Amino acid sequence: MRTLTTKTIESPLTNLIQNFTTSKIDKFFLFLLISSVLFLFVLVLRVSAWDANNKESLRDYAIYLAVHENLNVGEFLATIECESSFNKDAIGDSGNSYGLAQIHLPSHPYITKEQALNPFFALNWMSNEWSKGNAKIWSCWHTAGKEYLAMIR
């Protein structure tokens, strides 16, 4: 007569938890591991939640970039507000500047009109230029940006 044996199938997470239950230090590291994974999940979810058609979402993205690039957030936002009012389809300078960051295409021939009108490209490019010390190429930096700085001093 044959007897049937059942084999328990354990998940990798179950094995990990069982192996880490030997000391308080191991439990702490397990807590850190799980917390880190959750943090990364929320971050990825947040990044994927930015919406090109939502001004508040674009403002949030601009804040994220300014913080990431260690820029003055208020000055950065004031300049964008002055340039385009966070309108991703803004056209200015007699049809020569496009998008949220009002990229002046004759001055930057390597950027296409489509790129300038893409708010994520424009904000990334703008924050990169600011981090290189090129904020002065935005005419609104000379007005709104400086007004913001004067206001907080």
Protein backbone atom coordinates (compact mmCIF):
# COMPACT_ATOMS: atom_id res chain seq x y z
CA MET A 1 0.00 0.00 0.00
CA ARG A 2 1.26 3.45 -0.96
CA THR A 3 0.97 6.42 1.30
CA LEU A 4 0.64 9.90 -0.03
CA THR A 5 2.82 12.57 1.41
CA THR A 6 2.12 16.20 1.04
CA LYS A 7 4.89 18.63 0.52
CA THR A 8 4.50 22.19 1.69
CA ILE A 9 5.40 24.69 -0.97
CA GLU A 10 7.02 27.71 0.58
CA SER A 11 7.37 31.06 -1.05
CA PRO A 12 10.70 32.88 -1.11
CA LEU A 13 9.21 35.50 1.20
CA THR A 14 8.23 32.82 3.74
CA ASN A 15 11.75 31.41 3.63
CA LEU A 16 13.22 34.86 4.06
CA ILE A 17 11.05 35.61 7.09
CA GLN A 18 11.80 32.25 8.70
CA ASN A 19 15.53 32.72 8.16
CA PHE A 20 15.49 36.21 9.67
CA THR A 21 13.71 35.40 12.90
CA THR A 22 16.81 34.48 14.86
CA SER A 23 17.69 37.83 16.41
CA LYS A 24 16.48 41.38 16.91
CA ILE A 25 19.12 42.66 14.50
CA ASP A 26 17.88 40.31 11.78
CA LYS A 27 14.30 41.41 12.40
CA PHE A 28 15.38 45.04 12.13
CA PHE A 29 17.08 44.38 8.79
CA LEU A 30 13.99 42.57 7.56
CA PHE A 31 11.93 45.60 8.58
CA LEU A 32 14.34 47.88 6.67
CA LEU A 33 14.17 45.63 3.61
CA ILE A 34 10.38 45.58 3.55
CA SER A 35 10.21 49.34 4.23
CA SER A 36 12.63 50.02 1.38
CA VAL A 37 10.64 47.90 -1.04
CA LEU A 38 7.41 49.68 -0.05
CA PHE A 39 9.08 53.08 -0.40
CA LEU A 40 10.33 52.22 -3.90
CA PHE A 41 6.89 50.93 -4.86
CA VAL A 42 5.25 54.19 -3.72
CA LEU A 43 7.93 56.23 -5.52
CA VAL A 44 7.38 54.34 -8.78
CA LEU A 45 3.63 54.73 -8.36
CA ARG A 46 4.08 58.48 -7.76
CA VAL A 47 6.35 58.94 -10.77
CA SER A 48 3.91 57.14 -13.02
CA ALA A 49 1.11 59.33 -11.67
CA TRP A 50 2.46 62.59 -13.11
CA ASP A 51 0.04 63.76 -15.77
CA ALA A 52 1.06 65.99 -18.67
CA ASN A 53 -2.49 67.35 -18.94
CA ASN A 54 -2.79 68.42 -15.29
CA LYS A 55 -1.17 71.72 -14.24
CA GLU A 56 -0.95 70.69 -10.58
CA SER A 57 0.76 67.47 -11.56
CA LEU A 58 3.24 69.40 -13.71
CA ARG A 59 3.84 71.81 -10.81
CA ASP A 60 4.54 68.79 -8.57
CA TYR A 61 6.99 67.45 -11.15
CA ALA A 62 8.73 70.84 -11.34
CA ILE A 63 9.06 70.84 -7.55
CA TYR A 64 10.47 67.31 -7.66
CA LEU A 65 13.08 68.34 -10.25
CA ALA A 66 14.01 71.54 -8.43
CA VAL A 67 14.55 69.65 -5.18
CA HIS A 68 16.46 66.89 -7.00
CA GLU A 69 18.73 69.46 -8.70
CA ASN A 70 19.08 71.51 -5.49
CA LEU A 71 17.51 74.58 -7.09
CA ASN A 72 15.55 77.31 -5.35
CA VAL A 73 12.07 75.82 -5.72
CA GLY A 74 10.16 79.11 -5.38
CA GLU A 75 12.36 80.90 -7.90
CA PHE A 76 12.06 77.97 -10.34
CA LEU A 77 8.26 77.86 -10.02
CA ALA A 78 7.90 81.66 -10.23
CA THR A 79 9.86 81.66 -13.49
CA ILE A 80 7.74 78.88 -15.02
CA GLU A 81 4.55 80.61 -13.88
CA CYS A 82 5.73 83.86 -15.49
CA GLU A 83 6.89 82.16 -18.71
CA SER A 84 3.86 79.98 -19.43
CA SER A 85 1.45 79.87 -16.46
CA PHE A 86 2.22 76.12 -16.51
CA ASN A 87 0.53 75.89 -19.93
CA LYS A 88 2.29 73.05 -21.75
CA ASP A 89 1.01 74.36 -25.11
CA ALA A 90 2.15 77.97 -24.62
CA ILE A 91 3.64 79.72 -27.66
CA GLY A 92 5.46 83.03 -27.23
CA ASP A 93 8.08 85.34 -28.67
CA SER A 94 6.22 85.68 -32.00
CA GLY A 95 6.06 81.90 -32.43
CA ASN A 96 9.70 81.22 -31.52
CA SER A 97 9.32 79.92 -27.93
CA TYR A 98 7.33 76.83 -27.06
CA GLY A 99 5.94 74.93 -24.13
CA LEU A 100 5.99 75.11 -20.39
CA ALA A 101 9.59 76.32 -20.26
CA GLN A 102 9.20 78.60 -23.30
CA ILE A 103 12.23 77.13 -25.03
CA HIS A 104 13.40 79.62 -27.67
CA LEU A 105 14.00 77.34 -30.66
CA PRO A 106 16.23 79.72 -32.71
CA SER A 107 18.62 79.83 -29.72
CA HIS A 108 18.49 76.04 -29.26
CA PRO A 109 18.29 74.51 -32.77
CA TYR A 110 19.06 71.03 -31.43
CA ILE A 111 15.65 70.99 -29.67
CA THR A 112 12.60 70.24 -31.79
CA LYS A 113 9.22 71.90 -31.44
CA GLU A 114 7.77 68.54 -30.33
CA GLN A 115 10.37 68.25 -27.57
CA ALA A 116 9.74 71.81 -26.39
CA LEU A 117 6.00 71.09 -26.22
CA ASN A 118 6.57 67.93 -24.16
CA PRO A 119 6.26 69.22 -20.58
CA PHE A 120 8.47 66.51 -19.09
CA PHE A 121 11.24 67.10 -21.62
CA ALA A 122 10.93 70.87 -21.14
CA LEU A 123 11.05 70.72 -17.34
CA ASN A 124 13.97 68.28 -17.36
CA TRP A 125 15.86 70.44 -19.84
CA MET A 126 15.08 73.61 -17.89
CA SER A 127 16.16 72.14 -14.53
CA ASN A 128 19.35 70.85 -16.14
CA GLU A 129 20.11 74.30 -17.57
CA TRP A 130 19.44 75.91 -14.19
CA SER A 131 21.74 73.43 -12.46
CA LYS A 132 24.47 74.51 -14.89
CA GLY A 133 23.91 78.15 -13.88
CA ASN A 134 21.97 79.15 -17.00
CA ALA A 135 18.78 80.50 -15.37
CA LYS A 136 19.50 83.89 -16.92
CA ILE A 137 18.42 82.68 -20.39
CA TRP A 138 14.79 82.89 -19.21
CA SER A 139 13.54 86.46 -19.44
CA CYS A 140 11.15 85.81 -16.55
CA TRP A 141 14.07 84.85 -14.32
CA HIS A 142 15.11 88.51 -14.53
CA THR A 143 11.68 89.61 -13.28
CA ALA A 144 9.61 86.94 -11.49
CA GLY A 145 12.60 84.97 -10.23
CA LYS A 146 14.32 88.02 -8.79
CA GLU A 147 11.02 89.32 -7.35
CA TYR A 148 10.57 86.01 -5.58
CA LEU A 149 14.09 86.15 -4.16
CA ALA A 150 13.56 89.75 -2.98
CA MET A 151 10.28 88.77 -1.36
CA ILE A 152 11.82 86.01 0.77
CA ARG A 153 14.78 88.07 1.93
